[in-house]
Amino acid sequence: LADDGGATDDGPRPNPEDDGYLVGLVWNPVDQRSEIQVFDCLGARIAEGVKVTAALTERGETVAVAESLPGGLLVSGLVDVPGASVVLRGGVVAYATDLKADLLGVDPDLLRRAGAVDPDVATAMALGVRERLTATYGLSTTGVAGPDPQHGVAVGTVYVALAGPRGAAGAGAACEA
């Protein structure tokens, strides 16, 4: 969620709108809580949720979250960051496919054609939550938790998308189930 990808004292700022960055939720076993983190394409951690919140606060920007999988954990991870109320507009848990259309404005034809777990659906969810919650950025997640595949999509498949002032981009990953 960086502005220009410039360097800071902590190294380069991530820009998830560029290819190769993925925003994710990571369980921290030491603190027994989840954390928002940004990774580069090789999986190296770039910034923690605290830094993302600080960067958004500094620039007066906001974020809204649309989740299917993991069902609210991503927005919960943001809420756990001190100062989140300044930048977090809210979250929508649209676990059921029809809610992706009804609450987030995902095209019902796209959902019928591609299913709920698809990179274009993730992008549409990010765009929808950004618009509906009037945030600078919209972040979305959709995936298959299992135990069975969904519409031919393997368990462990996850798509994440980010929509911002310069457009929207998504990324996917197949996690081992």
Protein backbone atom coordinates (compact mmCIF):
# COMPACT_ATOMS: atom_id res chain seq x y z
CA LEU A 1 0.00 0.00 0.00
CA ALA A 2 2.97 2.23 -0.59
CA ASP A 3 2.79 5.44 -2.52
CA ASP A 4 5.83 5.33 -4.77
CA GLY A 5 7.88 2.28 -3.87
CA GLY A 6 10.62 4.53 -2.45
CA ALA A 7 13.10 3.47 0.17
CA THR A 8 12.62 3.88 3.91
CA ASP A 9 14.86 3.14 6.86
CA ASP A 10 13.38 -0.36 6.83
CA GLY A 11 14.22 -0.95 3.17
CA PRO A 12 12.07 -0.63 0.05
CA ARG A 13 8.39 0.10 0.50
CA PRO A 14 6.09 -2.54 -0.91
CA ASN A 15 3.62 -1.63 -3.61
CA PRO A 16 1.08 -4.46 -3.88
CA GLU A 17 -0.40 -2.82 -6.98
CA ASP A 18 2.79 -3.86 -8.78
CA ASP A 19 3.12 -7.49 -9.85
CA GLY A 20 4.99 -9.63 -7.39
CA TYR A 21 3.58 -8.47 -4.05
CA LEU A 22 1.00 -10.30 -1.99
CA VAL A 23 -0.80 -9.08 1.11
CA GLY A 24 -1.54 -11.87 3.51
CA LEU A 25 -2.63 -12.88 6.96
CA VAL A 26 -0.04 -14.77 8.98
CA TRP A 27 -0.55 -16.43 12.35
CA ASN A 28 2.02 -15.29 14.92
CA PRO A 29 2.41 -18.18 17.39
CA VAL A 30 4.44 -16.07 19.84
CA ASP A 31 1.73 -13.42 20.31
CA GLN A 32 -1.09 -15.88 19.56
CA ARG A 33 -2.66 -13.53 17.02
CA SER A 34 -2.81 -12.99 13.30
CA GLU A 35 -0.84 -10.26 11.55
CA ILE A 36 -1.24 -8.53 8.20
CA GLN A 37 2.00 -8.83 6.27
CA VAL A 38 3.18 -7.99 2.76
CA PHE A 39 5.39 -10.45 0.89
CA ASP A 40 7.40 -10.21 -2.28
CA CYS A 41 7.11 -12.81 -5.05
CA LEU A 42 9.61 -15.08 -3.30
CA GLY A 43 7.65 -15.05 -0.06
CA ALA A 44 10.01 -12.73 1.83
CA ARG A 45 8.23 -10.54 4.37
CA ILE A 46 8.31 -6.87 3.35
CA ALA A 47 6.15 -5.11 5.94
CA GLU A 48 3.90 -5.95 8.82
CA GLY A 49 0.38 -4.68 9.34
CA VAL A 50 1.69 -2.07 11.75
CA LYS A 51 3.80 -0.56 8.98
CA VAL A 52 0.91 -0.74 6.50
CA THR A 53 -1.35 1.03 9.01
CA ALA A 54 1.31 3.66 9.70
CA ALA A 55 1.86 4.30 5.98
CA LEU A 56 -1.87 4.69 5.33
CA THR A 57 -2.24 6.97 8.36
CA GLU A 58 0.66 9.14 7.26
CA ARG A 59 -0.95 9.66 3.85
CA GLY A 60 -4.52 9.98 5.09
CA GLU A 61 -5.59 6.88 3.15
CA THR A 62 -8.01 4.11 4.06
CA VAL A 63 -8.61 0.43 3.37
CA ALA A 64 -11.70 -1.79 3.22
CA VAL A 65 -11.63 -5.58 3.17
CA ALA A 66 -13.84 -8.13 1.39
CA GLU A 67 -13.34 -11.72 2.48
CA SER A 68 -14.65 -15.09 1.60
CA LEU A 69 -11.85 -17.32 2.83
CA PRO A 70 -10.64 -16.76 5.64
CA GLY A 71 -14.06 -15.56 6.81
CA GLY A 72 -13.11 -12.40 8.70
CA LEU A 73 -9.59 -13.19 9.86
CA LEU A 74 -7.99 -10.63 7.54
CA VAL A 75 -10.04 -7.70 8.83
CA SER A 76 -9.57 -9.04 12.36
CA GLY A 77 -5.81 -8.89 11.81
CA LEU A 78 -6.11 -5.24 10.79
CA VAL A 79 -8.35 -4.41 13.76
CA ASP A 80 -5.67 -5.80 16.09
CA VAL A 81 -3.21 -3.09 14.98
CA PRO A 82 -3.21 -0.01 17.23
CA GLY A 83 -4.51 2.96 15.25
CA ALA A 84 -6.46 0.82 12.80
CA SER A 85 -9.62 2.86 13.34
CA VAL A 86 -7.97 5.74 11.52
CA VAL A 87 -7.47 3.73 8.31
CA LEU A 88 -9.89 0.79 8.35
CA ARG A 89 -13.27 1.65 6.82
CA GLY A 90 -14.70 -1.81 7.46
CA GLY A 91 -15.00 -5.33 6.19
CA VAL A 92 -17.51 -7.52 4.39
CA VAL A 93 -17.49 -11.28 4.87
CA ALA A 94 -19.22 -12.59 1.74
CA TYR A 95 -18.79 -16.32 2.27
CA ALA A 96 -21.80 -17.34 0.18
CA THR A 97 -21.48 -16.88 -3.58
CA ASP A 98 -24.70 -14.87 -3.93
CA LEU A 99 -23.44 -12.34 -1.36
CA LYS A 100 -20.44 -11.58 -3.53
CA ALA A 101 -22.92 -10.24 -6.09
CA ASP A 102 -25.44 -8.73 -3.67
CA LEU A 103 -23.03 -6.99 -1.27
CA LEU A 104 -19.94 -6.40 -3.39
CA GLY A 105 -21.35 -5.98 -6.89
CA VAL A 106 -19.52 -8.94 -8.45
CA ASP A 107 -21.12 -9.68 -11.83
CA PRO A 108 -23.47 -12.69 -11.40
CA ASP A 109 -22.50 -13.88 -14.90
CA LEU A 110 -18.83 -13.94 -13.85
CA LEU A 111 -19.75 -15.95 -10.77
CA ARG A 112 -21.77 -18.44 -12.84
CA ARG A 113 -19.05 -18.75 -15.47
CA ALA A 114 -15.92 -18.79 -13.28
CA GLY A 115 -17.19 -19.75 -9.84
CA ALA A 116 -16.48 -17.90 -6.61
CA VAL A 117 -12.79 -18.81 -6.47
CA ASP A 118 -11.24 -17.02 -9.42
CA PRO A 119 -8.74 -14.17 -9.85
CA ASP A 120 -11.31 -12.02 -11.67
CA VAL A 121 -13.78 -12.56 -8.84
CA ALA A 122 -11.14 -11.51 -6.29
CA THR A 123 -10.47 -8.36 -8.32
CA ALA A 124 -14.19 -7.57 -8.59
CA MET A 125 -14.55 -8.06 -4.83
CA ALA A 126 -11.69 -5.62 -4.16
CA LEU A 127 -13.19 -3.04 -6.52
CA GLY A 128 -16.64 -3.52 -4.97
CA VAL A 129 -15.58 -3.17 -1.35
CA ARG A 130 -13.45 -0.13 -2.20
CA GLU A 131 -16.42 1.57 -3.84
CA ARG A 132 -19.11 0.57 -1.35
CA LEU A 133 -17.08 1.40 1.75
CA THR A 134 -15.51 4.50 0.12
CA ALA A 135 -11.92 3.53 0.86
CA THR A 136 -8.68 4.44 -0.87
CA TYR A 137 -7.87 0.74 -1.19
CA GLY A 138 -10.00 -2.38 -1.35
CA LEU A 139 -8.41 -5.69 -0.38
CA SER A 140 -10.09 -9.02 -1.06
CA THR A 141 -9.56 -12.73 -0.56
CA THR A 142 -11.34 -15.78 -1.91
CA GLY A 143 -10.32 -19.41 -1.83
CA VAL A 144 -11.13 -23.04 -1.15
CA ALA A 145 -10.60 -24.18 2.43
CA GLY A 146 -11.88 -27.70 1.82
CA PRO A 147 -12.32 -30.42 2.64
CA ASP A 148 -13.43 -30.84 -0.99
CA PRO A 149 -12.61 -28.93 -4.19
CA GLN A 150 -15.12 -26.26 -5.24
CA HIS A 151 -16.25 -26.17 -8.89
CA GLY A 152 -13.04 -27.92 -9.96
CA VAL A 153 -10.78 -25.60 -7.94
CA ALA A 154 -8.35 -27.44 -5.66
CA VAL A 155 -8.39 -27.16 -1.88
CA GLY A 156 -5.77 -24.62 -0.80
CA THR A 157 -6.23 -22.33 -3.81
CA VAL A 158 -6.37 -18.68 -2.73
CA TYR A 159 -6.74 -15.44 -4.68
CA VAL A 160 -5.99 -12.01 -3.23
CA ALA A 161 -6.66 -8.70 -4.97
CA LEU A 162 -6.01 -5.05 -4.25
CA ALA A 163 -7.90 -2.14 -5.81
CA GLY A 164 -6.61 1.38 -5.46
CA PRO A 165 -6.59 4.77 -7.13
CA ARG A 166 -4.43 3.45 -9.99
CA GLY A 167 -6.49 0.34 -10.71
CA ALA A 168 -6.71 -3.22 -9.46
CA ALA A 169 -4.48 -6.28 -9.50
CA GLY A 170 -4.72 -9.77 -8.13
CA ALA A 171 -2.46 -12.68 -7.29
CA GLY A 172 -3.08 -16.32 -6.56
CA ALA A 173 -1.41 -19.13 -4.74
CA ALA A 174 -1.93 -22.83 -4.25
CA CYS A 175 -1.26 -23.64 -0.62
CA GLU A 176 -0.80 -27.20 0.52
CA ALA A 177 -3.96 -28.43 2.13
